Amino acid sequence: MLDPEGCRLYLAQHYTSGMSLEEWIEIKTREKEVARSEQVAKGANSKLRHTRAFKGFPLNCYEPIEAVFHEEPYLLSPVRGTCIFMQDYESFRIPEDVVVVGIENGENFRYIRAQKYLFEGMRVLFASRYPQSKDLCAWLKMIPNRYIHFGDFDLAGVSIFLSEFYSELGERAEFYIPADVEQRLQNGNHVLYDVQYSRYRYMEVADERLKPLVEMIHKYRRGYEQEGYIKELDSI
C-alpha cells in the first residue's frame, strides 16, 4: 500500500464515522450492547450499531413486596395510580413465593386493585407485556417463580401465551382460566372469533391444560376480552 495513512483517513471519513479502524471493528464485533453515549463519544453517531436504549417492563402490586435490587433490599410498593419500570431486571429478584402475573392489556394493568378478587390468597406481582419485547420472559427465565399469564380468552390470547411464554418456561407458566369462563364465553364476542379463526384454527395447543378452553372457544365460536373481569372501576 503506497499511502497507509491516507487510506486510514479515507476510511474514517467515509465508513467509520471518524473512528480509527481498530475502534470501529471493536464496537461492531463486541458481543454486549454498546451504549449510544459511547458510540457518540467515539464516532459522533448514536446509530453506528443498533442499541436498545429503553429495555425492561412495567411492574405493579397492591401489597408491598420486599425484593432485592442490585444485591440491596428494595421495597416494591408503588403508590396507587403509578407503577415502576424495571430496566435493570437482570439485578432484580423477588421472594420465591411471589407469583408473577403477566397482563396483556393496558387497562387491566392500570386497575389491578379492581381485579384483586381474582387472586385472593396469593402474593402477586403484576407485569405488563408491553412494550412487546422479550425482556419479561428473559427475566422470568432467571428466576424460579411461578408465572400466570392473564390475557384475552380467545385464540390470539392463547397463541401469545404458547409462543412467548409456555415455549420458554414450560409447565412453570400457566394460562389463567377463571372458574366462570365458560359462562362468559357463551355471551362473548363472536367478531373476535370470526376475525381470528382463519389464522389460528390449526393452532397446535402444546399445553394440555389449555385444550378445554380452546374447545370452549370453538364450541361457542366466541372470545372474551380480559377487561370484562375489571369490576368496581369507579372506586379505584
C-alpha atoms as a PDB file:
ATOM      1  CA  MET A   1       0.000   0.000   0.000  1.00  0.00           C
ATOM      2  CA  LEU A   2       1.502   3.312  -1.102  1.00  0.00           C
ATOM      3  CA  ASP A   3      -0.211   5.581   1.439  1.00  0.00           C
ATOM      4  CA  PRO A   4      -1.415   3.737   4.601  1.00  0.00           C
ATOM      5  CA  GLU A   5      -2.272   6.948   6.452  1.00  0.00           C
ATOM      6  CA  GLY A   6      -4.233   8.275   3.505  1.00  0.00           C
ATOM      7  CA  CYS A   7      -6.176   5.029   3.377  1.00  0.00           C
ATOM      8  CA  ARG A   8      -6.982   5.291   7.094  1.00  0.00           C
ATOM      9  CA  LEU A   9      -8.156   8.866   6.643  1.00  0.00           C
ATOM     10  CA  TYR A  10     -10.393   7.864   3.733  1.00  0.00           C
ATOM     11  CA  LEU A  11     -11.962   5.023   5.737  1.00  0.00           C
ATOM     12  CA  ALA A  12     -12.537   7.305   8.742  1.00  0.00           C
ATOM     13  CA  GLN A  13     -14.218   9.965   6.632  1.00  0.00           C
ATOM     14  CA  HIS A  14     -16.418   7.631   4.578  1.00  0.00           C
ATOM     15  CA  TYR A  15     -17.019   4.442   6.565  1.00  0.00           C
ATOM     16  CA  THR A  16     -16.110   4.524  10.269  1.00  0.00           C
ATOM     17  CA  SER A  17     -17.713   7.797  11.432  1.00  0.00           C
ATOM     18  CA  GLY A  18     -14.322   9.323  12.217  1.00  0.00           C
ATOM     19  CA  MET A  19     -13.114   6.452  14.387  1.00  0.00           C
ATOM     20  CA  SER A  20      -9.922   4.543  13.870  1.00  0.00           C
ATOM     21  CA  LEU A  21     -10.385   1.263  12.039  1.00  0.00           C
ATOM     22  CA  GLU A  22      -9.486  -0.649  15.212  1.00  0.00           C
ATOM     23  CA  GLU A  23     -12.134   1.168  17.305  1.00  0.00           C
ATOM     24  CA  TRP A  24     -14.770   0.664  14.614  1.00  0.00           C
ATOM     25  CA  ILE A  25     -14.075  -3.084  14.414  1.00  0.00           C
ATOM     26  CA  GLU A  26     -14.122  -3.402  18.222  1.00  0.00           C
ATOM     27  CA  ILE A  27     -17.558  -1.752  18.509  1.00  0.00           C
ATOM     28  CA  LYS A  28     -19.022  -3.672  15.582  1.00  0.00           C
ATOM     29  CA  THR A  29     -17.875  -7.060  16.891  1.00  0.00           C
ATOM     30  CA  ARG A  30     -18.472  -6.554  20.623  1.00  0.00           C
ATOM     31  CA  GLU A  31     -20.820  -9.223  21.978  1.00  0.00           C
ATOM     32  CA  LYS A  32     -22.531  -6.934  24.508  1.00  0.00           C
ATOM     33  CA  GLU A  33     -24.627  -3.935  23.532  1.00  0.00           C
ATOM     34  CA  VAL A  34     -22.715  -0.702  23.035  1.00  0.00           C
ATOM     35  CA  ALA A  35     -24.184   2.333  24.789  1.00  0.00           C
ATOM     36  CA  ARG A  36     -25.349   5.097  22.474  1.00  0.00           C
ATOM     37  CA  SER A  37     -23.307   7.570  24.538  1.00  0.00           C
ATOM     38  CA  GLU A  38     -20.138   5.603  23.780  1.00  0.00           C
ATOM     39  CA  GLN A  39     -20.987   5.492  20.081  1.00  0.00           C
ATOM     40  CA  VAL A  40     -21.440   9.275  20.021  1.00  0.00           C
ATOM     41  CA  ALA A  41     -18.260   9.880  22.042  1.00  0.00           C
ATOM     42  CA  LYS A  42     -16.151   7.768  19.703  1.00  0.00           C
ATOM     43  CA  GLY A  43     -17.848   8.300  16.371  1.00  0.00           C
ATOM     44  CA  ALA A  44     -20.436  11.093  16.752  1.00  0.00           C
ATOM     45  CA  ASN A  45     -23.041   8.586  15.596  1.00  0.00           C
ATOM     46  CA  SER A  46     -25.512   7.005  18.043  1.00  0.00           C
ATOM     47  CA  LYS A  47     -26.799   4.707  15.287  1.00  0.00           C
ATOM     48  CA  LEU A  48     -23.450   3.174  14.363  1.00  0.00           C
ATOM     49  CA  ARG A  49     -24.700  -0.049  15.884  1.00  0.00           C
ATOM     50  CA  HIS A  50     -28.263  -0.875  16.921  1.00  0.00           C
ATOM     51  CA  THR A  51     -28.671  -0.492  20.675  1.00  0.00           C
ATOM     52  CA  ARG A  52     -31.875  -0.799  22.684  1.00  0.00           C
ATOM     53  CA  ALA A  53     -31.768   2.275  24.887  1.00  0.00           C
ATOM     54  CA  PHE A  54     -35.130   1.551  26.517  1.00  0.00           C
ATOM     55  CA  LYS A  55     -35.284  -2.012  27.776  1.00  0.00           C
ATOM     56  CA  GLY A  56     -37.372  -3.529  30.572  1.00  0.00           C
ATOM     57  CA  PHE A  57     -41.024  -3.738  31.535  1.00  0.00           C
ATOM     58  CA  PRO A  58     -43.583  -2.148  33.906  1.00  0.00           C
ATOM     59  CA  LEU A  59     -44.320  -3.732  37.305  1.00  0.00           C
ATOM     60  CA  ASN A  60     -47.040  -3.112  39.867  1.00  0.00           C
ATOM     61  CA  CYS A  61     -48.503  -4.579  43.049  1.00  0.00           C
ATOM     62  CA  TYR A  62     -51.215  -3.685  45.558  1.00  0.00           C
ATOM     63  CA  GLU A  63     -49.355  -5.167  48.544  1.00  0.00           C
ATOM     64  CA  PRO A  64     -45.701  -4.294  49.332  1.00  0.00           C
ATOM     65  CA  ILE A  65     -43.117  -6.827  48.185  1.00  0.00           C
ATOM     66  CA  GLU A  66     -39.665  -6.982  49.763  1.00  0.00           C
ATOM     67  CA  ALA A  67     -37.391  -7.534  46.795  1.00  0.00           C
ATOM     68  CA  VAL A  68     -33.662  -7.362  46.090  1.00  0.00           C
ATOM     69  CA  PHE A  69     -32.226  -4.932  43.553  1.00  0.00           C
ATOM     70  CA  HIS A  70     -28.500  -4.851  42.787  1.00  0.00           C
ATOM     71  CA  GLU A  71     -27.984  -7.024  45.883  1.00  0.00           C
ATOM     72  CA  GLU A  72     -29.622  -4.415  48.127  1.00  0.00           C
ATOM     73  CA  PRO A  73     -33.046  -4.638  49.863  1.00  0.00           C
ATOM     74  CA  TYR A  74     -35.725  -2.926  47.817  1.00  0.00           C
ATOM     75  CA  LEU A  75     -39.330  -2.418  48.891  1.00  0.00           C
ATOM     76  CA  LEU A  76     -41.624  -2.549  45.899  1.00  0.00           C
ATOM     77  CA  SER A  77     -44.728  -0.539  46.802  1.00  0.00           C
ATOM     78  CA  PRO A  78     -45.952   1.780  44.016  1.00  0.00           C
ATOM     79  CA  VAL A  79     -48.413   4.469  45.028  1.00  0.00           C
ATOM     80  CA  ARG A  80     -51.941   3.918  43.741  1.00  0.00           C
ATOM     81  CA  GLY A  81     -52.154   5.258  40.212  1.00  0.00           C
ATOM     82  CA  THR A  82     -48.464   4.638  39.480  1.00  0.00           C
ATOM     83  CA  CYS A  83     -46.207   1.738  38.569  1.00  0.00           C
ATOM     84  CA  ILE A  84     -42.458   1.251  38.204  1.00  0.00           C
ATOM     85  CA  PHE A  85     -40.488   0.492  35.071  1.00  0.00           C
ATOM     86  CA  MET A  86     -37.821  -2.133  35.725  1.00  0.00           C
ATOM     87  CA  GLN A  87     -34.864  -1.575  33.417  1.00  0.00           C
ATOM     88  CA  ASP A  88     -32.047  -3.460  35.168  1.00  0.00           C
ATOM     89  CA  TYR A  89     -34.143  -6.606  35.517  1.00  0.00           C
ATOM     90  CA  GLU A  90     -31.026  -8.792  35.497  1.00  0.00           C
ATOM     91  CA  SER A  91     -30.319  -7.498  39.025  1.00  0.00           C
ATOM     92  CA  PHE A  92     -33.907  -7.723  40.302  1.00  0.00           C
ATOM     93  CA  ARG A  93     -35.121 -10.647  42.428  1.00  0.00           C
ATOM     94  CA  ILE A  94     -38.341 -11.324  44.348  1.00  0.00           C
ATOM     95  CA  PRO A  95     -39.261 -13.860  47.071  1.00  0.00           C
ATOM     96  CA  GLU A  96     -39.921 -17.313  45.641  1.00  0.00           C
ATOM     97  CA  ASP A  97     -43.480 -17.414  46.979  1.00  0.00           C
ATOM     98  CA  VAL A  98     -44.478 -14.375  44.909  1.00  0.00           C
ATOM     99  CA  VAL A  99     -46.418 -15.258  41.765  1.00  0.00           C
ATOM    100  CA  VAL A 100     -45.704 -13.156  38.692  1.00  0.00           C
ATOM    101  CA  VAL A 101     -48.909 -12.340  36.810  1.00  0.00           C
ATOM    102  CA  GLY A 102     -48.336 -11.181  33.258  1.00  0.00           C
ATOM    103  CA  ILE A 103     -51.101  -8.918  31.957  1.00  0.00           C
ATOM    104  CA  GLU A 104     -51.738  -8.397  28.266  1.00  0.00           C
ATOM    105  CA  ASN A 105     -53.912  -5.303  28.170  1.00  0.00           C
ATOM    106  CA  GLY A 106     -53.163  -1.831  29.469  1.00  0.00           C
ATOM    107  CA  GLU A 107     -56.447  -1.184  31.265  1.00  0.00           C
ATOM    108  CA  ASN A 108     -56.152  -4.394  33.278  1.00  0.00           C
ATOM    109  CA  PHE A 109     -52.625  -3.444  34.293  1.00  0.00           C
ATOM    110  CA  ARG A 110     -53.750   0.022  35.303  1.00  0.00           C
ATOM    111  CA  TYR A 111     -56.604  -1.200  37.500  1.00  0.00           C
ATOM    112  CA  ILE A 112     -55.006  -4.135  39.310  1.00  0.00           C
ATOM    113  CA  ARG A 113     -56.911  -3.402  42.527  1.00  0.00           C
ATOM    114  CA  ALA A 114     -60.191  -3.895  40.669  1.00  0.00           C
ATOM    115  CA  GLN A 115     -59.082  -7.479  39.956  1.00  0.00           C
ATOM    116  CA  LYS A 116     -57.744  -8.344  43.389  1.00  0.00           C
ATOM    117  CA  TYR A 117     -60.683 -10.717  43.887  1.00  0.00           C
ATOM    118  CA  LEU A 118     -59.244 -12.974  41.169  1.00  0.00           C
ATOM    119  CA  PHE A 119     -56.025 -13.612  43.086  1.00  0.00           C
ATOM    120  CA  GLU A 120     -57.174 -13.909  46.696  1.00  0.00           C
ATOM    121  CA  GLY A 121     -54.727 -15.746  48.936  1.00  0.00           C
ATOM    122  CA  MET A 122     -51.789 -15.169  46.586  1.00  0.00           C
ATOM    123  CA  ARG A 123     -48.827 -12.812  46.789  1.00  0.00           C
ATOM    124  CA  VAL A 124     -48.727 -11.392  43.294  1.00  0.00           C
ATOM    125  CA  LEU A 125     -46.521  -9.083  41.275  1.00  0.00           C
ATOM    126  CA  PHE A 126     -48.113  -7.796  38.096  1.00  0.00           C
ATOM    127  CA  ALA A 127     -46.002  -7.359  34.988  1.00  0.00           C
ATOM    128  CA  SER A 128     -47.133  -5.743  31.770  1.00  0.00           C
ATOM    129  CA  ARG A 129     -46.449  -7.455  28.473  1.00  0.00           C
ATOM    130  CA  TYR A 130     -45.928  -4.041  26.909  1.00  0.00           C
ATOM    131  CA  PRO A 131     -43.664  -2.870  25.438  1.00  0.00           C
ATOM    132  CA  GLN A 132     -43.741  -6.050  23.365  1.00  0.00           C
ATOM    133  CA  SER A 133     -40.204  -7.292  23.856  1.00  0.00           C
ATOM    134  CA  LYS A 134     -38.604 -10.451  25.176  1.00  0.00           C
ATOM    135  CA  ASP A 135     -37.371  -8.759  28.346  1.00  0.00           C
ATOM    136  CA  LEU A 136     -40.140 -10.039  30.613  1.00  0.00           C
ATOM    137  CA  CYS A 137     -39.621 -13.627  29.533  1.00  0.00           C
ATOM    138  CA  ALA A 138     -35.851 -13.222  29.806  1.00  0.00           C
ATOM    139  CA  TRP A 139     -36.259 -12.150  33.438  1.00  0.00           C
ATOM    140  CA  LEU A 140     -38.681 -14.979  34.173  1.00  0.00           C
ATOM    141  CA  LYS A 141     -36.072 -17.449  32.943  1.00  0.00           C
ATOM    142  CA  MET A 142     -33.637 -16.045  35.534  1.00  0.00           C
ATOM    143  CA  ILE A 143     -35.949 -16.648  38.500  1.00  0.00           C
ATOM    144  CA  PRO A 144     -37.759 -19.752  39.836  1.00  0.00           C
ATOM    145  CA  ASN A 145     -41.121 -18.078  40.468  1.00  0.00           C
ATOM    146  CA  ARG A 146     -44.430 -19.328  39.169  1.00  0.00           C
ATOM    147  CA  TYR A 147     -45.824 -17.391  36.219  1.00  0.00           C
ATOM    148  CA  ILE A 148     -49.518 -16.877  35.418  1.00  0.00           C
ATOM    149  CA  HIS A 149     -50.491 -15.344  32.090  1.00  0.00           C
ATOM    150  CA  PHE A 150     -53.662 -13.263  32.266  1.00  0.00           C
ATOM    151  CA  GLY A 151     -54.814 -12.360  28.781  1.00  0.00           C
ATOM    152  CA  ASP A 152     -57.820 -12.408  26.498  1.00  0.00           C
ATOM    153  CA  PHE A 153     -59.819 -15.611  26.332  1.00  0.00           C
ATOM    154  CA  ASP A 154     -59.633 -16.029  22.604  1.00  0.00           C
ATOM    155  CA  LEU A 155     -57.456 -17.836  20.075  1.00  0.00           C
ATOM    156  CA  ALA A 156     -54.981 -14.967  19.765  1.00  0.00           C
ATOM    157  CA  GLY A 157     -54.559 -14.764  23.540  1.00  0.00           C
ATOM    158  CA  VAL A 158     -53.844 -18.491  23.731  1.00  0.00           C
ATOM    159  CA  SER A 159     -51.333 -18.196  20.895  1.00  0.00           C
ATOM    160  CA  ILE A 160     -49.467 -15.365  22.632  1.00  0.00           C
ATOM    161  CA  PHE A 161     -49.102 -17.446  25.780  1.00  0.00           C
ATOM    162  CA  LEU A 162     -47.965 -20.577  23.950  1.00  0.00           C
ATOM    163  CA  SER A 163     -45.445 -18.884  21.667  1.00  0.00           C
ATOM    164  CA  GLU A 164     -43.974 -16.319  24.055  1.00  0.00           C
ATOM    165  CA  PHE A 165     -44.117 -17.941  27.493  1.00  0.00           C
ATOM    166  CA  TYR A 166     -45.001 -21.638  27.532  1.00  0.00           C
ATOM    167  CA  SER A 167     -42.410 -22.372  24.846  1.00  0.00           C
ATOM    168  CA  GLU A 168     -39.718 -20.824  27.072  1.00  0.00           C
ATOM    169  CA  LEU A 169     -40.890 -21.645  30.609  1.00  0.00           C
ATOM    170  CA  GLY A 170     -42.757 -24.927  30.182  1.00  0.00           C
ATOM    171  CA  GLU A 171     -45.103 -26.069  32.952  1.00  0.00           C
ATOM    172  CA  ARG A 172     -43.933 -23.269  35.262  1.00  0.00           C
ATOM    173  CA  ALA A 173     -46.059 -20.968  33.129  1.00  0.00           C
ATOM    174  CA  GLU A 174     -49.835 -21.291  33.120  1.00  0.00           C
ATOM    175  CA  PHE A 175     -52.698 -19.508  31.421  1.00  0.00           C
ATOM    176  CA  TYR A 176     -55.167 -18.028  33.884  1.00  0.00           C
ATOM    177  CA  ILE A 177     -58.604 -19.608  33.416  1.00  0.00           C
ATOM    178  CA  PRO A 178     -61.323 -18.247  35.744  1.00  0.00           C
ATOM    179  CA  ALA A 179     -63.999 -20.610  37.025  1.00  0.00           C
ATOM    180  CA  ASP A 180     -66.752 -18.760  35.163  1.00  0.00           C
ATOM    181  CA  VAL A 181     -65.006 -18.510  31.803  1.00  0.00           C
ATOM    182  CA  GLU A 182     -67.465 -20.818  30.011  1.00  0.00           C
ATOM    183  CA  GLN A 183     -70.417 -18.710  31.115  1.00  0.00           C
ATOM    184  CA  ARG A 184     -68.667 -15.590  29.864  1.00  0.00           C
ATOM    185  CA  LEU A 185     -67.728 -17.185  26.559  1.00  0.00           C
ATOM    186  CA  GLN A 186     -71.367 -18.082  25.935  1.00  0.00           C
ATOM    187  CA  ASN A 187     -72.097 -14.356  25.886  1.00  0.00           C
ATOM    188  CA  GLY A 188     -68.770 -13.314  24.414  1.00  0.00           C
ATOM    189  CA  ASN A 189     -67.736 -11.552  21.226  1.00  0.00           C
ATOM    190  CA  HIS A 190     -68.320 -13.569  18.051  1.00  0.00           C
ATOM    191  CA  VAL A 191     -66.468 -10.979  15.935  1.00  0.00           C
ATOM    192  CA  LEU A 192     -63.241 -11.768  17.815  1.00  0.00           C
ATOM    193  CA  TYR A 193     -63.614 -15.420  16.934  1.00  0.00           C
ATOM    194  CA  ASP A 194     -64.507 -14.807  13.292  1.00  0.00           C
ATOM    195  CA  VAL A 195     -61.550 -12.472  12.751  1.00  0.00           C
ATOM    196  CA  GLN A 196     -59.061 -14.860  14.366  1.00  0.00           C
ATOM    197  CA  TYR A 197     -60.389 -18.184  13.127  1.00  0.00           C
ATOM    198  CA  SER A 198     -58.630 -18.379   9.768  1.00  0.00           C
ATOM    199  CA  ARG A 199     -55.259 -17.623  11.333  1.00  0.00           C
ATOM    200  CA  TYR A 200     -55.473 -19.829  14.419  1.00  0.00           C
ATOM    201  CA  ARG A 201     -57.849 -22.660  13.538  1.00  0.00           C
ATOM    202  CA  TYR A 202     -54.952 -25.120  13.098  1.00  0.00           C
ATOM    203  CA  MET A 203     -53.026 -23.832  16.111  1.00  0.00           C
ATOM    204  CA  GLU A 204     -51.199 -26.596  17.949  1.00  0.00           C
ATOM    205  CA  VAL A 205     -52.078 -26.445  21.654  1.00  0.00           C
ATOM    206  CA  ALA A 206     -48.913 -27.807  23.255  1.00  0.00           C
ATOM    207  CA  ASP A 207     -50.137 -27.168  26.812  1.00  0.00           C
ATOM    208  CA  GLU A 208     -52.690 -29.856  27.689  1.00  0.00           C
ATOM    209  CA  ARG A 209     -54.160 -27.624  30.400  1.00  0.00           C
ATOM    210  CA  LEU A 210     -55.386 -25.232  27.711  1.00  0.00           C
ATOM    211  CA  LYS A 211     -57.203 -27.691  25.473  1.00  0.00           C
ATOM    212  CA  PRO A 212     -60.555 -27.481  27.337  1.00  0.00           C
ATOM    213  CA  LEU A 213     -60.504 -23.677  26.992  1.00  0.00           C
ATOM    214  CA  VAL A 214     -59.733 -23.854  23.276  1.00  0.00           C
ATOM    215  CA  GLU A 215     -62.536 -26.378  22.825  1.00  0.00           C
ATOM    216  CA  MET A 216     -64.947 -23.990  24.558  1.00  0.00           C
ATOM    217  CA  ILE A 217     -63.856 -21.118  22.323  1.00  0.00           C
ATOM    218  CA  HIS A 218     -64.586 -23.234  19.247  1.00  0.00           C
ATOM    219  CA  LYS A 219     -67.814 -24.582  20.716  1.00  0.00           C
ATOM    220  CA  TYR A 220     -69.343 -21.162  21.311  1.00  0.00           C
ATOM    221  CA  ARG A 221     -67.462 -19.517  18.417  1.00  0.00           C
ATOM    222  CA  ARG A 222     -66.752 -16.534  20.622  1.00  0.00           C
ATOM    223  CA  GLY A 223     -63.956 -14.855  22.519  1.00  0.00           C
ATOM    224  CA  TYR A 224     -63.960 -12.867  25.744  1.00  0.00           C
ATOM    225  CA  GLU A 225     -61.673  -9.927  26.471  1.00  0.00           C
ATOM    226  CA  GLN A 226     -59.972  -9.777  29.851  1.00  0.00           C
ATOM    227  CA  GLU A 227     -61.188  -6.241  30.547  1.00  0.00           C
ATOM    228  CA  GLY A 228     -64.531  -7.825  31.419  1.00  0.00           C
ATOM    229  CA  TYR A 229     -63.001  -9.002  34.703  1.00  0.00           C
ATOM    230  CA  ILE A 230     -62.359  -5.454  35.930  1.00  0.00           C
ATOM    231  CA  LYS A 231     -65.032  -4.584  38.482  1.00  0.00           C
ATOM    232  CA  GLU A 232     -65.905  -1.630  40.719  1.00  0.00           C
ATOM    233  CA  LEU A 233     -63.891   0.684  38.496  1.00  0.00           C
ATOM    234  CA  ASP A 234     -65.434   3.816  39.999  1.00  0.00           C
ATOM    235  CA  SER A 235     -63.941   3.034  43.409  1.00  0.00           C
ATOM    236  CA  ILE A 236     -60.392   2.534  42.170  1.00  0.00           C
END
